[in-house]
Amino acid sequence: MRPLILILIAVILATPVRAGPQGQPFISIAFHDIVDQPADLEADAVTTRTFVQFLDRLKASGWTAISLDDLADAASGRRRLPDKAILLTFDDGRESLYTRVFPLLKAYGYPALAFVVGSWMEGEGAGGPEGEIRVRPPDTINWAQAREMQASGLVEFGSHSYDLHHGVLANPQGNLTPAAATWRYDARRGRYEDDAQFDARIRDDLLRSIAVMEARLGRKPRSIAWPYGRYVGPALEVAKSTGLSFSLDLEPEPSSSADPYAIHRYYPSGDPTLGDIVGYLRREVVAAPRVRIACMALDAMAAAGDGKAQDEVLGRMIEGLRELGASTVVIDANAALASPTSPLGGVYFPTALRPLGKDILGRATWQIRSRTGADVYLRLPLGSATAAVGEANVPRLYADMIRHARADGLVLDLPDVASGAVAPDRPGEIRARRAALEAGGLDARAALALEAYRAAASIDPRVRLMIEVGRPEGPPEWADIALLPPGGNASQVQAQARHLRAEGWLRPDSAGRVVISLPEGSRVQVSALQLAQRQGAAAFALCPRPPELPPAAKLSAAFSSATYPHRP
């Protein structure tokens, strides 16, 4: 079997990255720690053996390691990137960067980009207000080692912030979430950081990082790799204003030289094999993803009151979702969605536009994401939002929602929207089409949905868009996912799947963009799911009604996104 595996890896690595809508494409990868012994592996580490094998494969398969100078030249049109270009990056400034990675970079002649946390390099340790914990790894490099690596011409250093590599208090319930992506909650005053305070905190940190790096290394950094890969639009604008010219996250998708502020990186973790790492470079999808969506309401959590009782309700919900095996959870973001004609009730997130029912959306979103591993989308119907705050304020409402809940996407209802052409699930290309879309070419409701999405994306540029459609069709070209209306029975669901297959939507690279909603009743749901799967369908939802939790055993076995032997 080993020769066959090596042949497959060689084929994968020989496949060039497809060009995006603009610019020249390249791949980036974010390593953290490199260890010699498997017994020393932690969540973010790779063994030296695997890392060397990876470098060998890059060399043998014709990949070219590039630098920020190469990207700058490509962006300006001075020269093109190689057909198979990869940006090698290393976060956190771990000691292995100097002891293991640097000698290998010299041996292979590969350039790399390394990111250091200023406070760690300066020897600052734990501490922080309001229970915030700052943990400095015990094995970071020192400035003398950094200067030696920089002097080689192979390693460029960028900012990993001065002191943003930790969580800050995100809500009254005590969640700690990434500092560069959170408007901090002040427990003593019972209020959230405002925009001016947030901007000042991020600016002070980045300016301090730039100053200390210039003093210690003799040059200013020109790139920022956001801690945990998480940031928000206002933080990026602050970074631009400080002179940083490149921004890197941890989204596992290709990048384009046309947008130096959206350099996406694959993050190998969990003791990856060589095949796991090089598999990221493959652009052809051979199997459709198993998408399983469960819709949830927070009414029971709100009714439970505060404190322990509320946490117990949320805990039961999370355990039920884990048992169900949902890969994505859609949360209703306000308290009055039972009837589409009801005015918007007290919302579950802070906003000056509506009374606050319960400040629970941010906590529920974070707990579900972190404890189940599922993506979380937020659903707020356009009609209800418009009736409550007026059309002019709708975009602000969605922006406030994303500001206080670190979600992966939005769900907007456009029952009459027309399907676009069948296209693969490539988030970068979809974002580019969405950015180029002229609202004037849309009907009033779709234009409002686009404006609402853009307001949310101004807060979190990585947020995706799911559209509730009215027919068994795919999404418009500018939306990531279509959530189809539920069929009344198994036969109707089977007919939906046949139609989607005939239209071309169920091919492996696009099947994840069309989600079939299952009818009510666990027995019918299992039958409907199995019939649709035979047509090639891979994405299913228990929506719009929340599923019964804990789920029936047969439904869990059929619906779960987990694969043997692992269950989330």
Protein backbone atom coordinates (compact mmCIF):
# COMPACT_ATOMS: atom_id res chain seq x y z
CA MET A 1 0.00 0.00 0.00
CA ARG A 2 2.89 2.41 0.71
CA PRO A 3 3.95 2.90 -2.96
CA LEU A 4 0.32 3.61 -3.86
CA ILE A 5 0.04 6.24 -1.11
CA LEU A 6 3.22 7.95 -2.33
CA ILE A 7 1.94 7.97 -5.91
CA LEU A 8 -1.34 9.56 -4.76
CA ILE A 9 0.56 12.21 -2.79
CA ALA A 10 2.70 12.98 -5.83
CA VAL A 11 -0.43 13.40 -7.97
CA ILE A 12 -1.98 15.68 -5.35
CA LEU A 13 1.10 17.85 -5.10
CA ALA A 14 1.36 18.06 -8.89
CA THR A 15 -2.09 19.62 -9.14
CA PRO A 16 -1.77 23.40 -9.51
CA VAL A 17 -4.07 25.67 -7.55
CA ARG A 18 -6.91 27.07 -9.64
CA ALA A 19 -6.89 30.77 -10.15
CA GLY A 20 -9.48 32.82 -8.31
CA PRO A 21 -11.55 35.60 -9.82
CA GLN A 22 -8.63 38.07 -9.51
CA GLY A 23 -4.92 37.96 -8.89
CA GLN A 24 -2.67 34.93 -8.83
CA PRO A 25 -3.41 32.03 -6.51
CA PHE A 26 -1.14 30.59 -3.86
CA ILE A 27 -1.34 28.31 -0.85
CA SER A 28 -0.21 29.10 2.68
CA ILE A 29 0.31 26.83 5.66
CA ALA A 30 0.67 27.74 9.35
CA PHE A 31 2.93 25.51 11.41
CA HIS A 32 3.43 26.09 15.11
CA ASP A 33 5.72 23.64 16.91
CA ILE A 34 7.97 20.92 15.47
CA VAL A 35 8.94 18.09 17.85
CA ASP A 36 11.26 15.10 17.44
CA GLN A 37 9.29 12.49 19.36
CA PRO A 38 5.60 11.56 18.90
CA ALA A 39 5.31 11.46 22.70
CA ASP A 40 5.99 15.23 22.73
CA LEU A 41 3.18 16.09 20.32
CA GLU A 42 0.63 18.66 21.44
CA ALA A 43 -2.43 19.92 19.61
CA ASP A 44 -0.48 22.35 17.44
CA ALA A 45 2.68 20.26 16.86
CA VAL A 46 4.03 18.24 13.94
CA THR A 47 6.85 15.71 14.18
CA THR A 48 10.20 16.52 12.60
CA ARG A 49 9.87 13.38 10.47
CA THR A 50 6.53 14.50 9.03
CA PHE A 51 7.80 18.03 8.47
CA VAL A 52 10.90 16.83 6.59
CA GLN A 53 8.77 14.49 4.47
CA PHE A 54 6.54 17.43 3.63
CA LEU A 55 9.50 19.57 2.54
CA ASP A 56 10.78 16.66 0.44
CA ARG A 57 7.42 16.38 -1.31
CA LEU A 58 7.29 20.09 -2.02
CA LYS A 59 10.75 19.95 -3.59
CA ALA A 60 10.08 16.76 -5.57
CA SER A 61 6.70 17.98 -6.87
CA GLY A 62 7.84 21.35 -8.12
CA TRP A 63 6.33 23.65 -5.52
CA THR A 64 8.07 26.98 -4.89
CA ALA A 65 8.24 28.51 -1.44
CA ILE A 66 7.57 32.24 -1.76
CA SER A 67 8.13 35.31 0.39
CA LEU A 68 6.20 38.50 1.08
CA ASP A 69 8.43 40.22 -1.49
CA ASP A 70 7.13 37.77 -4.09
CA LEU A 71 3.55 38.57 -3.09
CA ALA A 72 4.19 42.31 -3.21
CA ASP A 73 5.72 41.99 -6.69
CA ALA A 74 2.76 39.90 -7.90
CA ALA A 75 0.27 42.38 -6.47
CA SER A 76 1.97 45.28 -8.25
CA GLY A 77 2.31 43.40 -11.52
CA ARG A 78 6.12 43.42 -11.51
CA ARG A 79 6.27 39.63 -11.86
CA ARG A 80 4.05 36.59 -11.62
CA LEU A 81 3.97 33.96 -8.92
CA PRO A 82 5.05 30.42 -9.83
CA ASP A 83 2.24 28.09 -10.87
CA LYS A 84 2.61 26.14 -7.63
CA ALA A 85 3.42 28.71 -4.96
CA ILE A 86 3.33 28.12 -1.22
CA LEU A 87 3.95 30.53 1.67
CA LEU A 88 5.46 28.73 4.67
CA THR A 89 4.62 30.38 8.00
CA PHE A 90 5.36 29.62 11.66
CA ASP A 91 3.37 31.10 14.53
CA ASP A 92 4.22 31.79 18.18
CA GLY A 93 8.04 31.90 17.89
CA ARG A 94 8.53 28.49 19.45
CA GLU A 95 12.08 27.32 20.17
CA SER A 96 11.78 24.67 17.45
CA LEU A 97 11.70 27.49 14.89
CA TYR A 98 15.38 28.04 15.65
CA THR A 99 16.53 24.52 16.55
CA ARG A 100 14.65 22.44 13.95
CA VAL A 101 13.00 24.63 11.31
CA PHE A 102 15.80 27.11 10.62
CA PRO A 103 18.44 24.45 9.79
CA LEU A 104 15.98 22.80 7.41
CA LEU A 105 15.12 26.09 5.72
CA LYS A 106 18.83 26.61 5.08
CA ALA A 107 19.21 23.08 3.74
CA TYR A 108 16.29 23.41 1.34
CA GLY A 109 16.80 27.08 0.53
CA TYR A 110 13.20 27.88 1.46
CA PRO A 111 12.11 31.30 2.73
CA ALA A 112 9.58 31.49 5.55
CA LEU A 113 7.55 33.96 7.54
CA ALA A 114 7.60 33.76 11.36
CA PHE A 115 5.26 35.51 13.80
CA VAL A 116 6.15 36.41 17.37
CA VAL A 117 4.15 37.70 20.33
CA GLY A 118 5.92 40.77 21.72
CA SER A 119 5.05 40.19 25.37
CA TRP A 120 6.32 36.61 25.19
CA MET A 121 9.58 37.69 23.58
CA GLU A 122 9.98 40.32 26.30
CA GLY A 123 9.55 37.65 28.98
CA GLU A 124 6.21 38.81 30.32
CA GLY A 125 4.16 36.09 31.99
CA ALA A 126 0.66 35.37 33.25
CA GLY A 127 -1.81 37.90 34.56
CA GLY A 128 -4.63 40.15 33.41
CA PRO A 129 -7.86 41.78 34.53
CA GLU A 130 -11.21 40.12 35.21
CA GLY A 131 -9.92 36.57 35.21
CA GLU A 132 -8.16 36.82 31.86
CA ILE A 133 -5.24 34.39 31.65
CA ARG A 134 -2.08 35.09 29.66
CA VAL A 135 0.00 31.98 29.11
CA ARG A 136 3.56 32.32 27.82
CA PRO A 137 4.96 29.10 26.32
CA PRO A 138 8.08 28.00 28.19
CA ASP A 139 10.07 27.39 25.01
CA THR A 140 10.00 30.55 22.89
CA ILE A 141 12.98 31.89 20.96
CA ASN A 142 14.90 34.96 22.07
CA TRP A 143 15.68 38.14 20.17
CA ALA A 144 19.29 37.12 19.43
CA GLN A 145 18.06 33.95 17.71
CA ALA A 146 15.49 36.00 15.80
CA ARG A 147 18.17 38.40 14.60
CA GLU A 148 20.34 35.50 13.42
CA MET A 149 17.46 33.99 11.44
CA GLN A 150 16.55 37.37 9.97
CA ALA A 151 20.16 38.01 8.94
CA SER A 152 20.15 34.81 6.88
CA GLY A 153 17.67 36.37 4.48
CA LEU A 154 15.44 33.30 4.76
CA VAL A 155 13.19 34.28 7.69
CA GLU A 156 11.08 37.42 7.87
CA PHE A 157 9.38 38.23 11.15
CA GLY A 158 5.84 39.52 11.46
CA SER A 159 3.64 40.56 14.35
CA HIS A 160 1.52 38.08 16.25
CA SER A 161 0.42 41.08 18.36
CA TYR A 162 2.12 42.37 21.48
CA ASP A 163 -0.42 41.03 23.95
CA LEU A 164 -3.55 39.83 22.14
CA HIS A 165 -2.75 36.12 22.27
CA HIS A 166 -5.32 35.38 24.96
CA GLY A 167 -9.04 35.58 25.62
CA VAL A 168 -10.93 38.57 26.98
CA LEU A 169 -14.24 38.58 28.82
CA ALA A 170 -16.95 38.41 26.16
CA ASN A 171 -20.24 38.37 28.08
CA PRO A 172 -21.79 38.47 31.55
CA GLN A 173 -21.62 34.67 31.80
CA GLY A 174 -17.82 34.67 31.73
CA ASN A 175 -16.79 33.35 28.30
CA LEU A 176 -13.26 34.29 27.27
CA THR A 177 -12.92 34.76 23.50
CA PRO A 178 -10.06 35.96 21.22
CA ALA A 179 -8.91 39.44 22.19
CA ALA A 180 -8.68 40.82 18.64
CA ALA A 181 -12.20 39.68 17.78
CA THR A 182 -14.11 40.67 20.92
CA TRP A 183 -15.65 43.85 22.26
CA ARG A 184 -14.65 43.23 25.85
CA TYR A 185 -17.33 43.05 28.55
CA ASP A 186 -16.58 45.08 31.68
CA ALA A 187 -18.08 43.06 34.53
CA ARG A 188 -17.58 45.84 37.10
CA ARG A 189 -19.52 48.39 35.05
CA GLY A 190 -21.89 45.90 33.43
CA ARG A 191 -21.30 47.14 29.89
CA TYR A 192 -19.41 46.36 26.71
CA GLU A 193 -16.43 48.14 25.24
CA ASP A 194 -17.57 50.72 22.65
CA ASP A 195 -16.04 51.06 19.18
CA ALA A 196 -13.63 53.82 20.19
CA GLN A 197 -12.37 51.81 23.16
CA PHE A 198 -11.99 48.67 21.04
CA ASP A 199 -10.06 50.55 18.34
CA ALA A 200 -7.81 52.18 20.93
CA ARG A 201 -7.02 48.84 22.60
CA ILE A 202 -6.10 47.18 19.29
CA ARG A 203 -4.13 50.21 18.08
CA ASP A 204 -2.12 50.49 21.29
CA ASP A 205 -1.24 46.80 21.11
CA LEU A 206 -0.18 46.80 17.45
CA LEU A 207 1.85 50.00 17.77
CA ARG A 208 3.64 48.51 20.77
CA SER A 209 4.33 45.32 18.82
CA ILE A 210 5.71 47.29 15.87
CA ALA A 211 7.88 49.46 18.14
CA VAL A 212 9.43 46.59 20.07
CA MET A 213 10.13 44.61 16.89
CA GLU A 214 11.76 47.61 15.27
CA ALA A 215 13.89 48.18 18.36
CA ARG A 216 14.94 44.53 18.70
CA LEU A 217 15.25 43.54 15.02
CA GLY A 218 16.13 46.83 13.35
CA ARG A 219 13.11 46.84 11.07
CA LYS A 220 9.37 47.20 11.36
CA PRO A 221 7.12 44.21 10.68
CA ARG A 222 4.88 44.52 7.65
CA SER A 223 2.52 41.63 8.42
CA ILE A 224 0.11 40.59 11.17
CA ALA A 225 -0.98 37.02 11.86
CA TRP A 226 -3.99 37.34 14.11
CA PRO A 227 -3.84 35.17 17.24
CA TYR A 228 -6.09 32.12 16.84
CA GLY A 229 -6.73 33.36 13.29
CA ARG A 230 -9.61 35.49 14.58
CA TYR A 231 -10.11 39.20 14.00
CA VAL A 232 -12.87 41.62 13.06
CA GLY A 233 -13.16 44.22 10.34
CA PRO A 234 -12.47 47.20 12.62
CA ALA A 235 -9.29 45.51 13.91
CA LEU A 236 -8.11 45.01 10.33
CA GLU A 237 -8.71 48.69 9.57
CA VAL A 238 -6.62 49.59 12.61
CA ALA A 239 -3.83 47.29 11.38
CA LYS A 240 -3.87 48.96 7.98
CA SER A 241 -3.63 52.40 9.58
CA THR A 242 -0.52 51.37 11.53
CA GLY A 243 1.31 50.52 8.30
CA LEU A 244 0.92 46.74 8.32
CA SER A 245 0.58 45.60 4.69
CA PHE A 246 -0.32 41.91 5.02
CA SER A 247 -2.90 40.16 7.18
CA LEU A 248 -3.04 36.40 7.78
CA ASP A 249 -5.76 34.23 9.29
CA LEU A 250 -6.37 30.49 9.73
CA GLU A 251 -9.04 29.85 7.12
CA PRO A 252 -8.12 26.64 5.20
CA GLU A 253 -8.53 27.92 1.67
CA PRO A 254 -6.35 29.29 -1.15
CA SER A 255 -5.36 32.94 -1.26
CA SER A 256 -4.89 35.47 -4.03
CA SER A 257 -2.08 37.96 -4.59
CA ALA A 258 -4.82 40.52 -5.29
CA ASP A 259 -5.73 40.71 -1.59
CA PRO A 260 -2.73 40.86 0.77
CA TYR A 261 -5.10 41.51 3.68
CA ALA A 262 -6.79 38.13 3.27
CA ILE A 263 -4.01 35.55 3.33
CA HIS A 264 -5.65 32.30 4.37
CA ARG A 265 -3.68 29.48 5.92
CA TYR A 266 -4.19 25.80 6.56
CA TYR A 267 -3.38 24.94 10.18
CA PRO A 268 -2.15 21.33 10.59
CA SER A 269 -3.05 20.11 14.07
CA GLY A 270 -4.02 16.99 15.94
CA ASP A 271 -0.96 14.90 15.01
CA PRO A 272 -1.45 15.12 11.24
CA THR A 273 0.11 12.60 8.90
CA LEU A 274 2.00 13.56 5.77
CA GLY A 275 -1.09 12.66 3.77
CA ASP A 276 -3.25 14.96 5.93
CA ILE A 277 -0.95 17.92 5.32
CA VAL A 278 -0.35 17.53 1.61
CA GLY A 279 -4.01 16.69 1.11
CA TYR A 280 -4.79 20.33 1.77
CA LEU A 281 -3.01 21.21 -1.47
CA ARG A 282 -5.48 19.13 -3.46
CA ARG A 283 -8.03 21.25 -5.28
CA GLU A 284 -10.22 18.51 -6.74
CA VAL A 285 -13.01 17.31 -4.43
CA VAL A 286 -13.47 13.55 -4.58
CA ALA A 287 -16.28 13.21 -2.04
CA ALA A 288 -19.07 15.56 -0.98
CA PRO A 289 -18.86 16.79 2.62
CA ARG A 290 -21.35 15.41 5.14
CA VAL A 291 -23.31 18.53 6.10
CA ARG A 292 -25.80 18.07 8.93
CA ILE A 293 -27.67 21.15 10.15
CA ALA A 294 -29.84 21.42 13.24
CA CYS A 295 -31.96 24.51 13.91
CA MET A 296 -32.20 25.63 17.53
CA ALA A 297 -34.17 28.19 19.54
CA LEU A 298 -32.92 29.78 22.75
CA ASP A 299 -36.33 30.33 24.36
CA ALA A 300 -35.83 27.54 26.92
CA MET A 301 -32.43 28.92 27.85
CA ALA A 302 -33.91 32.41 28.30
CA ALA A 303 -36.82 31.07 30.37
CA ALA A 304 -34.46 29.25 32.73
CA GLY A 305 -33.28 32.49 34.28
CA ASP A 306 -29.64 33.21 34.97
CA GLY A 307 -26.73 31.32 36.38
CA LYS A 308 -26.69 27.57 37.00
CA ALA A 309 -30.21 26.87 35.71
CA GLN A 310 -29.44 28.56 32.39
CA ASP A 311 -26.17 26.67 32.05
CA GLU A 312 -27.92 23.38 32.71
CA VAL A 313 -30.38 24.02 29.88
CA LEU A 314 -27.57 25.00 27.52
CA GLY A 315 -25.57 21.95 28.59
CA ARG A 316 -28.46 19.61 27.76
CA MET A 317 -28.84 21.28 24.36
CA ILE A 318 -25.15 20.83 23.62
CA GLU A 319 -25.11 17.19 24.65
CA GLY A 320 -28.17 16.58 22.47
CA LEU A 321 -26.46 18.23 19.50
CA ARG A 322 -23.35 16.11 20.07
CA GLU A 323 -25.46 12.97 20.17
CA LEU A 324 -27.28 14.06 17.03
CA GLY A 325 -23.97 14.60 15.24
CA ALA A 326 -24.75 18.06 13.81
CA SER A 327 -21.93 19.68 11.86
CA THR A 328 -23.73 23.05 11.75
CA VAL A 329 -26.18 24.65 14.16
CA VAL A 330 -28.58 27.43 13.17
CA ILE A 331 -29.67 29.55 16.15
CA ASP A 332 -32.74 31.76 16.10
CA ALA A 333 -31.37 35.07 17.31
CA ASN A 334 -34.48 36.58 18.92
CA ALA A 335 -37.31 35.56 21.21
CA ALA A 336 -40.40 35.87 19.01
CA LEU A 337 -39.93 33.73 15.91
CA ALA A 338 -42.67 31.19 16.53
CA SER A 339 -45.00 33.17 14.27
CA PRO A 340 -43.59 34.98 11.23
CA THR A 341 -46.17 37.75 11.78
CA SER A 342 -45.06 38.50 15.33
CA PRO A 343 -43.04 41.68 15.88
CA LEU A 344 -39.49 41.14 16.95
CA GLY A 345 -39.37 40.47 20.66
CA GLY A 346 -36.58 41.17 23.09
CA VAL A 347 -33.43 40.24 21.22
CA TYR A 348 -30.76 37.97 22.65
CA PHE A 349 -27.84 40.32 21.95
CA PRO A 350 -27.00 43.91 22.93
CA THR A 351 -28.16 46.58 20.50
CA ALA A 352 -29.39 50.13 20.92
CA LEU A 353 -32.14 49.41 18.40
CA ARG A 354 -34.23 47.00 20.50
CA PRO A 355 -34.78 46.08 24.13
CA LEU A 356 -32.50 43.31 25.35
CA GLY A 357 -34.45 40.20 26.29
CA LYS A 358 -31.49 38.13 27.47
CA ASP A 359 -27.80 38.59 26.71
CA ILE A 360 -27.36 34.92 25.83
CA LEU A 361 -26.69 34.70 22.10
CA GLY A 362 -22.94 35.21 22.40
CA ARG A 363 -22.60 32.60 25.14
CA ALA A 364 -24.73 30.02 23.33
CA THR A 365 -22.81 30.55 20.09
CA TRP A 366 -19.39 30.22 21.71
CA GLN A 367 -20.30 27.23 23.87
CA ILE A 368 -21.86 25.33 20.96
CA ARG A 369 -18.89 26.06 18.68
CA SER A 370 -16.25 25.14 21.25
CA ARG A 371 -17.95 22.10 22.80
CA THR A 372 -19.44 20.44 19.72
CA GLY A 373 -16.99 21.55 17.02
CA ALA A 374 -19.98 22.58 14.89
CA ASP A 375 -20.19 25.76 12.85
CA VAL A 376 -22.87 28.16 14.09
CA TYR A 377 -25.10 30.30 11.88
CA LEU A 378 -27.49 32.97 13.18
CA ARG A 379 -31.01 33.31 11.80
CA LEU A 380 -32.93 36.58 11.99
CA PRO A 381 -35.84 36.90 9.49
CA LEU A 382 -35.72 40.02 7.35
CA GLY A 383 -39.43 40.69 7.75
CA SER A 384 -39.34 40.58 11.53
CA ALA A 385 -36.23 42.75 11.64
CA THR A 386 -37.76 45.33 9.31
CA ALA A 387 -41.00 45.46 11.29
CA ALA A 388 -39.09 46.00 14.52
CA VAL A 389 -36.43 48.57 13.62
CA GLY A 390 -37.38 49.92 10.20
CA GLU A 391 -35.68 49.11 6.93
CA ALA A 392 -33.00 51.78 7.33
CA ASN A 393 -31.80 50.22 10.60
CA VAL A 394 -31.83 46.58 9.49
CA PRO A 395 -28.12 46.48 8.49
CA ARG A 396 -27.12 47.94 11.86
CA LEU A 397 -29.15 45.26 13.66
CA TYR A 398 -27.31 42.45 11.86
CA ALA A 399 -23.95 44.12 12.48
CA ASP A 400 -24.72 44.33 16.21
CA MET A 401 -25.68 40.67 16.22
CA ILE A 402 -22.38 39.56 14.70
CA ARG A 403 -20.48 41.99 16.93
CA HIS A 404 -21.58 40.11 20.06
CA ALA A 405 -21.78 36.53 18.76
CA ARG A 406 -18.73 35.02 17.11
CA ALA A 407 -20.73 33.04 14.53
CA ASP A 408 -19.60 31.40 11.31
CA GLY A 409 -22.48 32.63 9.17
CA LEU A 410 -25.88 34.27 8.73
CA VAL A 411 -29.16 32.77 7.55
CA LEU A 412 -31.38 35.14 5.56
CA ASP A 413 -34.77 34.28 4.09
CA LEU A 414 -35.27 34.96 0.36
CA PRO A 415 -37.99 32.54 -0.78
CA ASP A 416 -38.25 34.02 -4.29
CA VAL A 417 -34.54 34.32 -5.09
CA ALA A 418 -33.41 32.69 -8.33
CA SER A 419 -30.81 29.95 -8.34
CA GLY A 420 -27.44 30.67 -9.86
CA ALA A 421 -25.42 28.40 -12.11
CA VAL A 422 -24.03 25.23 -10.57
CA ALA A 423 -20.69 26.17 -9.03
CA PRO A 424 -18.33 24.50 -6.56
CA ASP A 425 -18.07 25.42 -2.91
CA ARG A 426 -15.04 27.71 -3.05
CA PRO A 427 -15.59 30.38 -0.39
CA GLY A 428 -13.05 32.82 -1.86
CA GLU A 429 -14.70 32.81 -5.26
CA ILE A 430 -18.16 33.19 -3.72
CA ARG A 431 -16.97 36.12 -1.59
CA ALA A 432 -15.52 37.77 -4.68
CA ARG A 433 -18.83 37.43 -6.56
CA ARG A 434 -20.69 38.79 -3.54
CA ALA A 435 -18.33 41.78 -3.26
CA ALA A 436 -18.76 42.58 -6.95
CA LEU A 437 -22.57 42.31 -6.88
CA GLU A 438 -24.50 45.50 -7.59
CA ALA A 439 -27.51 45.81 -5.30
CA GLY A 440 -29.30 47.82 -7.99
CA GLY A 441 -29.73 44.65 -10.05
CA LEU A 442 -31.65 42.89 -7.26
CA ASP A 443 -35.24 43.16 -6.11
CA ALA A 444 -35.87 45.15 -2.93
CA ARG A 445 -35.83 42.19 -0.53
CA ALA A 446 -32.64 40.67 -1.97
CA ALA A 447 -30.97 44.08 -1.96
CA LEU A 448 -31.84 44.46 1.73
CA ALA A 449 -30.46 40.98 2.44
CA LEU A 450 -27.21 41.86 0.69
CA GLU A 451 -26.94 45.11 2.63
CA ALA A 452 -27.60 43.27 5.90
CA TYR A 453 -24.96 40.69 5.07
CA ARG A 454 -22.41 43.33 4.14
CA ALA A 455 -22.99 45.14 7.42
CA ALA A 456 -22.35 41.89 9.29
CA ALA A 457 -19.28 41.15 7.15
CA SER A 458 -17.87 44.59 7.97
CA ILE A 459 -17.63 43.26 11.52
CA ASP A 460 -16.47 39.74 10.64
CA PRO A 461 -15.15 39.40 7.07
CA ARG A 462 -15.13 35.59 7.29
CA VAL A 463 -18.88 35.25 7.90
CA ARG A 464 -20.68 33.03 5.36
CA LEU A 465 -24.19 33.41 3.94
CA MET A 466 -26.93 30.79 3.94
CA ILE A 467 -30.15 31.63 2.09
CA GLU A 468 -33.53 30.07 2.93
CA VAL A 469 -35.00 29.51 -0.53
CA GLY A 470 -38.57 28.69 -1.53
CA ARG A 471 -37.91 26.04 -4.16
CA PRO A 472 -35.68 22.95 -4.47
CA GLU A 473 -32.95 24.93 -6.23
CA GLY A 474 -29.37 25.92 -5.54
CA PRO A 475 -28.33 29.25 -4.06
CA PRO A 476 -27.78 32.41 -6.06
CA GLU A 477 -24.16 32.71 -7.16
CA TRP A 478 -23.42 35.20 -4.38
CA ALA A 479 -24.60 32.98 -1.51
CA ASP A 480 -22.64 30.10 -0.01
CA ILE A 481 -25.52 27.75 0.82
CA ALA A 482 -29.18 27.24 -0.04
CA LEU A 483 -31.43 25.89 2.73
CA LEU A 484 -34.33 24.23 0.92
CA PRO A 485 -37.90 24.17 2.28
CA PRO A 486 -38.85 20.89 4.01
CA GLY A 487 -40.68 18.24 2.04
CA GLY A 488 -43.92 16.95 3.45
CA ASN A 489 -42.89 13.30 3.30
CA ALA A 490 -40.06 11.01 2.21
CA SER A 491 -41.27 10.80 -1.38
CA GLN A 492 -41.25 14.57 -1.77
CA VAL A 493 -37.71 14.75 -0.39
CA GLN A 494 -36.66 12.03 -2.84
CA ALA A 495 -38.20 14.05 -5.67
CA GLN A 496 -36.26 17.15 -4.53
CA ALA A 497 -33.03 15.17 -4.62
CA ARG A 498 -33.75 13.80 -8.09
CA HIS A 499 -34.38 17.32 -9.35
CA LEU A 500 -31.16 18.62 -7.81
CA ARG A 501 -29.24 15.72 -9.30
CA ALA A 502 -30.66 16.38 -12.75
CA GLU A 503 -29.67 20.05 -12.44
CA GLY A 504 -26.09 19.08 -11.56
CA TRP A 505 -26.09 20.30 -7.96
CA LEU A 506 -25.26 16.95 -6.38
CA ARG A 507 -21.79 16.56 -7.84
CA PRO A 508 -19.15 16.20 -5.08
CA ASP A 509 -17.77 19.74 -5.19
CA SER A 510 -21.15 21.47 -5.01
CA ALA A 511 -23.44 19.09 -3.07
CA GLY A 512 -22.58 20.84 0.19
CA ARG A 513 -24.14 24.06 -1.11
CA VAL A 514 -27.69 22.67 -1.27
CA VAL A 515 -29.20 21.54 2.02
CA ILE A 516 -32.34 19.41 2.01
CA SER A 517 -34.65 20.07 4.97
CA LEU A 518 -36.19 16.88 6.32
CA PRO A 519 -39.89 16.52 7.22
CA GLU A 520 -41.08 16.19 10.80
CA GLY A 521 -41.03 12.87 12.64
CA SER A 522 -37.85 10.85 13.22
CA ARG A 523 -39.09 7.79 11.32
CA VAL A 524 -39.96 9.84 8.25
CA GLN A 525 -36.72 11.79 8.56
CA VAL A 526 -34.60 8.64 8.46
CA SER A 527 -36.45 7.31 5.41
CA ALA A 528 -36.28 10.66 3.60
CA LEU A 529 -32.57 11.03 4.30
CA GLN A 530 -31.76 7.57 3.01
CA LEU A 531 -33.79 8.01 -0.17
CA ALA A 532 -32.12 11.37 -0.90
CA GLN A 533 -28.66 9.97 -0.22
CA ARG A 534 -29.21 7.40 -2.97
CA GLN A 535 -29.51 10.33 -5.37
CA GLY A 536 -26.20 11.76 -4.19
CA ALA A 537 -27.46 14.29 -1.64
CA ALA A 538 -24.97 14.93 1.18
CA ALA A 539 -26.38 17.95 3.07
CA PHE A 540 -29.46 17.70 5.29
CA ALA A 541 -31.17 19.88 7.89
CA LEU A 542 -33.64 19.47 10.72
CA CYS A 543 -35.17 22.89 10.07
CA PRO A 544 -37.02 25.15 10.50
CA ARG A 545 -38.34 23.45 13.66
CA PRO A 546 -35.69 22.53 16.25
CA PRO A 547 -35.04 18.78 16.49
CA GLU A 548 -36.16 16.81 19.49
CA LEU A 549 -33.24 16.40 21.90
CA PRO A 550 -31.97 13.93 22.85
CA PRO A 551 -32.60 12.48 19.40
CA ALA A 552 -34.04 9.07 18.65
CA ALA A 553 -31.25 6.50 18.28
CA LYS A 554 -32.16 5.65 14.68
CA LEU A 555 -32.22 9.32 13.68
CA SER A 556 -28.87 9.94 15.32
CA ALA A 557 -27.30 6.95 13.56
CA ALA A 558 -28.61 8.06 10.15
CA PHE A 559 -28.17 11.82 10.55
CA SER A 560 -24.81 12.11 12.32
CA SER A 561 -21.96 13.79 10.49
CA ALA A 562 -19.50 11.67 12.45
CA THR A 563 -17.71 8.79 10.79
CA TYR A 564 -16.66 5.56 12.44
CA PRO A 565 -14.91 5.16 14.82
CA HIS A 566 -15.16 8.82 15.94
CA ARG A 567 -18.33 10.51 17.15
CA PRO A 568 -18.29 14.12 18.29
